[in-house]
C-alpha cells in the first residue's frame, strides 16, 4: 500500500497550489496585499499605524529623534486558526491503489483545492469584515456550539456629504465634493497618496444615473468604463460581494448598499500569517498547510488543513460616507 502522506508533503502542496487557478478575493487582492509570515503565535499592534510624517532637523552632533510617534506600550492580538478537514475513507484508499501516480496526484490536487478554497474564502470574509474596524467572527466549540471572537481596531474615519447623491437636484459636483472630502480626511492622517474607492449597490446605481445623465454636458470630466466610473480623477468601483457568516448563514456586504468607502492602500494594512499550531509543520508560519491523520474507527484518513491569518487594518486609512438615504 502506498503512503498517503507522500502526496501531501510541503513540496507537493506548493506544487499543487501553483498549478491551481487563482481564487478572486477583491479585499485581499486590493487592500491586504502585504502578507508577512510571522513566526510567533501573537501579533503586535505596532505592525500598523507607524506613520511617516515630516520631522524637524537637528543640530549637527545632536541626538537623533524618533521617525514615528511612539506610545511606549505594545498591544498583542492572539489570532485563531482556520482548520477545515476532509475525510478519506478506506474505500477511497483502495480505489487510489489501482491508479497510476499521475491519477493519485490529480486526486490529491482536487482535495487540496477544496480545502484551500474554504481557507481562502474564510480569510477573505474576515478581511472584508475588518474594514469596519472590528473583526467579529464565530468560533466553533468542540461540543458543537459557538463562541464569538472579537477584536476592535477602532473606528474608521467618516464624512457626511453636504448633499446626498440620492437627493433631488444632486449633481456630479456633489459626488466630487464628497470624494474630495474623504480624500482630505485620509491625507490629514498622513495617507491617501493611493486609494481604492468602493461603492455599495445603491450608491453605485445612483452614481451611474447621475453620470449617465451628465456624460455629454458636464464640465467635470466623467468617464464610464468596465472598471468603474471616473469622476474628476476619482475612480469609483462597484462592490456588491457578500460574505456568509458560518454560524447564522447571514450574508453581509463588503460595502453596505448606501455607502462609499475610500481605502488608502498606502496606510499599511497587512494580512499576517502566524505560526500554525502543528508539530508536523514545525510550528512555522505558512499561509496553508495540509496533513493526513490516520483514523482507526472507521478506518481511513482525515486530511486536516490549517492556516492562521490575521488581518490588521489601519482604521486611519479607511474613510466611509453614507451617500444614499
Protein backbone atom coordinates (compact mmCIF):
# COMPACT_ATOMS: atom_id res chain seq x y z
CA UNK A 1 0.00 0.00 0.00
CA UNK A 2 1.32 3.45 -0.91
CA UNK A 3 1.92 6.07 1.75
CA UNK A 4 -0.81 8.75 1.61
CA UNK A 5 1.50 11.21 3.36
CA UNK A 6 3.77 11.16 0.32
CA UNK A 7 1.04 13.02 -1.58
CA UNK A 8 0.90 15.84 0.97
CA UNK A 9 4.48 16.84 1.63
CA UNK A 10 5.32 20.53 1.77
CA UNK A 11 6.83 20.41 -1.73
CA UNK A 12 3.77 18.61 -3.11
CA UNK A 13 1.37 21.16 -1.61
CA UNK A 14 3.38 24.03 -3.08
CA UNK A 15 3.25 22.34 -6.49
CA UNK A 16 -0.50 21.74 -6.25
CA UNK A 17 -1.20 25.34 -5.25
CA UNK A 18 0.97 26.65 -8.07
CA UNK A 19 -0.95 24.60 -10.63
CA UNK A 20 -4.41 25.69 -9.45
CA UNK A 21 -6.15 28.80 -10.84
CA UNK A 22 -6.28 31.87 -8.55
CA UNK A 23 -9.33 32.50 -6.42
CA UNK A 24 -10.58 36.06 -6.86
CA UNK A 25 -10.79 37.76 -3.48
CA UNK A 26 -11.16 41.53 -4.01
CA UNK A 27 -10.42 42.66 -0.45
CA UNK A 28 -7.31 40.52 -0.11
CA UNK A 29 -6.17 41.24 -3.67
CA UNK A 30 -6.54 45.02 -3.41
CA UNK A 31 -6.17 46.01 0.25
CA UNK A 32 -4.30 43.28 2.10
CA UNK A 33 -1.54 42.69 -0.42
CA UNK A 34 1.21 42.85 2.22
CA UNK A 35 1.19 39.35 3.79
CA UNK A 36 4.16 38.79 6.07
CA UNK A 37 4.68 35.43 7.77
CA UNK A 38 5.28 35.83 11.49
CA UNK A 39 6.96 33.03 13.41
CA UNK A 40 5.00 33.83 16.58
CA UNK A 41 1.55 32.86 17.90
CA UNK A 42 0.68 36.51 18.64
CA UNK A 43 0.69 39.71 16.60
CA UNK A 44 1.88 43.09 17.85
CA UNK A 45 -0.36 46.06 17.10
CA UNK A 46 2.75 48.05 16.20
CA UNK A 47 2.78 46.30 12.81
CA UNK A 48 0.42 49.02 11.59
CA UNK A 49 -0.12 52.72 12.18
CA UNK A 50 3.54 53.74 12.13
CA UNK A 51 3.01 56.98 10.23
CA UNK A 52 5.95 58.59 8.46
CA UNK A 53 5.46 62.35 8.58
CA UNK A 54 7.67 65.44 8.33
CA UNK A 55 10.21 65.99 11.09
CA UNK A 56 12.31 68.93 12.27
CA UNK A 57 16.01 68.90 11.55
CA UNK A 58 18.51 68.69 14.42
CA UNK A 59 21.75 70.49 15.11
CA UNK A 60 24.94 68.87 13.91
CA UNK A 61 26.10 66.40 16.52
CA UNK A 62 22.72 66.35 18.27
CA UNK A 63 20.98 63.03 19.06
CA UNK A 64 18.51 61.53 16.62
CA UNK A 65 14.75 61.78 17.08
CA UNK A 66 12.06 59.09 16.58
CA UNK A 67 10.92 58.72 12.96
CA UNK A 68 7.35 57.96 14.09
CA UNK A 69 5.28 58.70 17.16
CA UNK A 70 5.65 56.03 19.83
CA UNK A 71 3.26 55.35 22.69
CA UNK A 72 5.67 53.32 24.80
CA UNK A 73 3.29 50.33 25.02
CA UNK A 74 2.55 47.48 22.64
CA UNK A 75 -0.74 45.59 22.39
CA UNK A 76 -0.80 41.98 21.27
CA UNK A 77 -3.53 40.11 19.44
CA UNK A 78 -3.93 36.33 19.52
CA UNK A 79 -5.10 35.02 16.12
CA UNK A 80 -7.18 31.85 15.99
CA UNK A 81 -6.70 29.18 13.30
CA UNK A 82 -8.88 28.16 10.38
CA UNK A 83 -8.81 24.36 10.47
CA UNK A 84 -11.09 22.51 7.98
CA UNK A 85 -10.87 18.78 7.26
CA UNK A 86 -11.86 16.34 4.54
CA UNK A 87 -12.43 12.62 5.09
CA UNK A 88 -10.64 9.90 3.13
CA UNK A 89 -12.31 6.51 3.60
CA UNK A 90 -10.81 3.06 3.31
CA UNK A 91 -12.78 2.69 0.08
CA UNK A 92 -11.10 5.81 -1.28
CA UNK A 93 -7.69 4.37 -0.42
CA UNK A 94 -8.50 1.08 -2.14
CA UNK A 95 -9.53 2.98 -5.27
CA UNK A 96 -6.33 5.05 -5.15
CA UNK A 97 -4.20 1.91 -5.12
CA UNK A 98 -5.28 0.98 -8.65
CA UNK A 99 -4.48 4.45 -10.01
CA UNK A 100 -1.17 5.39 -11.55
CA UNK A 101 0.93 8.06 -9.80
CA UNK A 102 -0.48 10.77 -12.09
CA UNK A 103 -4.04 9.82 -11.14
CA UNK A 104 -3.22 9.84 -7.45
CA UNK A 105 -1.69 13.27 -7.74
CA UNK A 106 -4.74 14.57 -9.61
CA UNK A 107 -6.89 13.29 -6.73
CA UNK A 108 -4.60 15.00 -4.20
CA UNK A 109 -4.82 18.28 -6.14
CA UNK A 110 -8.62 18.11 -6.04
CA UNK A 111 -8.62 17.51 -2.29
CA UNK A 112 -6.13 20.32 -1.75
CA UNK A 113 -8.21 22.67 -3.90
CA UNK A 114 -11.33 22.06 -1.81
CA UNK A 115 -9.51 22.84 1.42
CA UNK A 116 -7.69 25.92 0.05
CA UNK A 117 -10.98 27.37 -1.23
CA UNK A 118 -12.52 27.06 2.24
CA UNK A 119 -9.49 28.72 3.83
CA UNK A 120 -9.28 31.45 1.19
CA UNK A 121 -12.97 32.34 1.33
CA UNK A 122 -12.92 32.43 5.12
CA UNK A 123 -9.86 34.68 5.09
CA UNK A 124 -11.49 36.99 2.53
CA UNK A 125 -14.64 37.25 4.67
CA UNK A 126 -12.55 38.16 7.71
CA UNK A 127 -10.67 40.80 5.70
CA UNK A 128 -13.95 42.29 4.48
CA UNK A 129 -15.37 42.28 8.00
CA UNK A 130 -12.39 44.07 9.48
CA UNK A 131 -12.80 47.09 7.17
CA UNK A 132 -15.48 48.19 9.66
CA UNK A 133 -12.78 48.44 12.34
CA UNK A 134 -13.89 45.32 14.19
CA UNK A 135 -13.15 41.67 13.48
CA UNK A 136 -16.11 39.69 14.82
CA UNK A 137 -16.17 36.02 13.81
CA UNK A 138 -17.77 32.86 15.25
CA UNK A 139 -15.62 30.25 16.99
CA UNK A 140 -16.69 26.61 16.66
CA UNK A 141 -16.60 24.84 20.03
CA UNK A 142 -15.77 21.17 20.49
CA UNK A 143 -19.30 20.36 21.67
CA UNK A 144 -20.86 21.80 18.54
CA UNK A 145 -21.84 25.21 19.88
CA UNK A 146 -20.37 28.59 19.04
CA UNK A 147 -18.49 31.31 20.84
CA UNK A 148 -17.58 34.74 19.48
CA UNK A 149 -14.10 36.05 18.66
CA UNK A 150 -13.96 39.82 18.53
CA UNK A 151 -11.09 42.27 18.14
CA UNK A 152 -11.59 46.01 17.85
CA UNK A 153 -9.10 48.18 15.98
CA UNK A 154 -11.02 51.43 16.46
CA UNK A 155 -13.43 53.33 14.24
CA UNK A 156 -12.64 54.26 10.63
CA UNK A 157 -12.88 57.88 9.54
CA UNK A 158 -16.23 59.17 8.30
CA UNK A 159 -17.50 62.03 6.16
CA UNK A 160 -21.04 63.39 5.98
CA UNK A 161 -21.88 64.64 2.45
CA UNK A 162 -23.27 68.15 2.17
CA UNK A 163 -25.68 66.79 -0.45
CA UNK A 164 -26.73 63.15 -0.59
CA UNK A 165 -26.36 61.59 -4.03
CA UNK A 166 -29.99 60.48 -3.84
CA UNK A 167 -31.38 63.98 -3.17
CA UNK A 168 -33.40 65.74 -5.84
CA UNK A 169 -31.12 68.11 -7.68
CA UNK A 170 -27.92 66.27 -6.73
CA UNK A 171 -25.18 66.77 -9.32
CA UNK A 172 -21.86 65.21 -10.16
CA UNK A 173 -20.25 68.17 -8.44
CA UNK A 174 -21.74 66.89 -5.16
CA UNK A 175 -20.25 63.46 -5.84
CA UNK A 176 -16.87 65.04 -6.48
CA UNK A 177 -17.05 67.15 -3.31
CA UNK A 178 -17.87 64.08 -1.21
CA UNK A 179 -14.93 62.12 -2.63
CA UNK A 180 -12.60 65.11 -2.23
CA UNK A 181 -13.63 65.45 1.43
CA UNK A 182 -12.93 61.76 2.02
CA UNK A 183 -9.51 62.04 0.42
CA UNK A 184 -8.74 65.11 2.54
CA UNK A 185 -9.72 63.24 5.71
CA UNK A 186 -7.25 60.47 4.83
CA UNK A 187 -4.49 62.89 3.95
CA UNK A 188 -4.87 64.69 7.26
CA UNK A 189 -3.86 61.37 8.85
CA UNK A 190 -0.84 61.07 6.58
CA UNK A 191 -2.29 58.67 3.99
CA UNK A 192 -4.15 58.74 0.69
CA UNK A 193 -1.46 59.01 -1.97
CA UNK A 194 -3.09 55.91 -3.49
CA UNK A 195 -6.67 54.90 -2.78
CA UNK A 196 -9.37 52.43 -3.68
CA UNK A 197 -12.93 53.79 -3.80
CA UNK A 198 -15.68 51.22 -3.43
CA UNK A 199 -19.42 51.91 -3.67
CA UNK A 200 -22.23 49.68 -2.45
CA UNK A 201 -25.07 48.64 -4.72
CA UNK A 202 -27.48 51.57 -4.18
CA UNK A 203 -24.68 54.14 -4.05
CA UNK A 204 -23.21 52.94 -7.34
CA UNK A 205 -26.57 52.81 -9.06
CA UNK A 206 -27.27 56.41 -8.05
CA UNK A 207 -23.83 57.48 -9.27
CA UNK A 208 -24.44 55.65 -12.55
CA UNK A 209 -27.72 57.53 -13.02
CA UNK A 210 -26.04 60.90 -12.38
CA UNK A 211 -23.13 60.06 -14.67
CA UNK A 212 -25.38 58.79 -17.48
CA UNK A 213 -27.46 61.97 -17.39
CA UNK A 214 -24.43 64.24 -17.31
CA UNK A 215 -21.91 62.49 -19.52
CA UNK A 216 -22.50 64.76 -22.51
CA UNK A 217 -22.98 68.07 -20.70
CA UNK A 218 -20.87 68.00 -17.54
CA UNK A 219 -17.88 70.30 -17.32
CA UNK A 220 -16.47 67.86 -14.78
CA UNK A 221 -14.69 65.02 -16.55
CA UNK A 222 -16.74 61.83 -16.30
CA UNK A 223 -15.80 58.50 -17.82
CA UNK A 224 -17.81 55.31 -17.54
CA UNK A 225 -15.63 52.21 -18.03
CA UNK A 226 -15.75 48.50 -17.30
CA UNK A 227 -13.66 49.18 -14.20
CA UNK A 228 -15.94 51.81 -12.72
CA UNK A 229 -16.98 55.45 -13.04
CA UNK A 230 -14.26 58.09 -13.08
CA UNK A 231 -15.45 61.41 -11.66
CA UNK A 232 -12.83 64.12 -11.96
CA UNK A 233 -9.99 61.64 -11.43
CA UNK A 234 -11.69 59.59 -8.71
CA UNK A 235 -12.38 56.05 -9.94
CA UNK A 236 -15.39 54.62 -8.11
CA UNK A 237 -15.76 50.84 -8.35
CA UNK A 238 -18.89 48.78 -7.80
CA UNK A 239 -18.50 46.42 -4.85
CA UNK A 240 -21.50 44.16 -4.23
CA UNK A 241 -19.92 40.94 -2.93
CA UNK A 242 -21.42 39.39 0.18
CA UNK A 243 -19.85 37.03 2.70
CA UNK A 244 -21.70 34.38 4.68
CA UNK A 245 -21.49 34.08 8.46
CA UNK A 246 -20.81 30.34 9.08
CA UNK A 247 -22.84 30.35 12.31
CA UNK A 248 -26.00 32.19 11.29
CA UNK A 249 -25.85 31.96 7.50
CA UNK A 250 -26.39 35.73 7.33
CA UNK A 251 -24.91 37.47 4.30
CA UNK A 252 -23.01 40.70 4.91
CA UNK A 253 -21.96 43.03 2.10
CA UNK A 254 -18.32 44.02 1.82
CA UNK A 255 -19.62 47.59 1.37
CA UNK A 256 -23.10 48.45 2.64
CA UNK A 257 -25.59 49.32 -0.11
CA UNK A 258 -25.84 53.04 0.68
CA UNK A 259 -22.17 53.62 1.43
CA UNK A 260 -18.96 54.59 -0.27
CA UNK A 261 -15.65 53.53 1.28
CA UNK A 262 -12.31 55.08 0.40
CA UNK A 263 -9.33 53.00 1.48
CA UNK A 264 -5.77 54.31 1.44
CA UNK A 265 -3.65 51.48 0.09
CA UNK A 266 -0.55 53.20 1.47
CA UNK A 267 -1.81 53.01 5.07
CA UNK A 268 -0.03 49.78 6.00
CA UNK A 269 -2.95 47.33 6.00
CA UNK A 270 -1.48 43.85 6.47
CA UNK A 271 -2.63 40.25 6.45
CA UNK A 272 -0.29 38.46 8.83
CA UNK A 273 0.15 34.68 8.73
CA UNK A 274 1.15 33.42 12.17
CA UNK A 275 2.85 30.18 13.14
CA UNK A 276 0.41 27.26 12.89
CA UNK A 277 -0.11 25.11 15.97
CA UNK A 278 1.09 21.86 14.40
CA UNK A 279 4.27 19.90 15.13
CA UNK A 280 4.33 18.40 11.63
CA UNK A 281 4.55 21.97 10.30
CA UNK A 282 7.41 22.59 12.76
CA UNK A 283 5.23 25.29 14.38
CA UNK A 284 6.19 27.54 11.46
CA UNK A 285 4.15 30.30 9.80
CA UNK A 286 2.65 29.38 6.44
CA UNK A 287 -0.45 30.53 4.55
CA UNK A 288 -1.71 26.98 4.04
CA UNK A 289 -0.77 23.58 5.46
CA UNK A 290 -2.30 20.12 4.95
CA UNK A 291 -1.53 16.84 6.67
CA UNK A 292 -3.18 13.38 6.72
CA UNK A 293 -4.16 11.92 10.12
CA UNK A 294 -4.84 8.20 10.31
CA UNK A 295 -8.20 7.11 11.75
CA UNK A 296 -8.99 3.72 13.30
CA UNK A 297 -12.79 3.77 13.57
CA UNK A 298 -13.83 3.99 10.83
CA UNK A 299 -10.60 3.07 9.12
CA UNK A 300 -9.29 5.83 6.87
CA UNK A 301 -7.62 9.22 6.98
CA UNK A 302 -8.63 12.76 7.76
CA UNK A 303 -6.99 15.50 5.70
CA UNK A 304 -6.61 18.48 8.02
CA UNK A 305 -5.72 21.90 6.65
CA UNK A 306 -4.62 24.80 8.79
CA UNK A 307 -3.97 28.49 8.36
CA UNK A 308 -3.72 31.28 10.88
CA UNK A 309 -4.39 34.54 9.02
CA UNK A 310 -4.95 37.77 10.90
CA UNK A 311 -5.96 40.95 9.03
CA UNK A 312 -4.54 44.12 10.55
CA UNK A 313 -6.31 47.21 9.21
CA UNK A 314 -5.22 50.75 9.83
CA UNK A 315 -8.54 52.43 10.58
CA UNK A 316 -6.98 55.85 9.99
CA UNK A 317 -6.54 54.76 6.38
CA UNK A 318 -10.24 53.94 5.85
CA UNK A 319 -12.98 56.54 5.35
CA UNK A 320 -16.70 55.87 4.98
CA UNK A 321 -19.57 58.03 3.78
CA UNK A 322 -23.27 57.21 3.58
CA UNK A 323 -24.32 58.87 0.32
CA UNK A 324 -27.83 57.47 -0.27
CA UNK A 325 -30.74 57.79 2.15
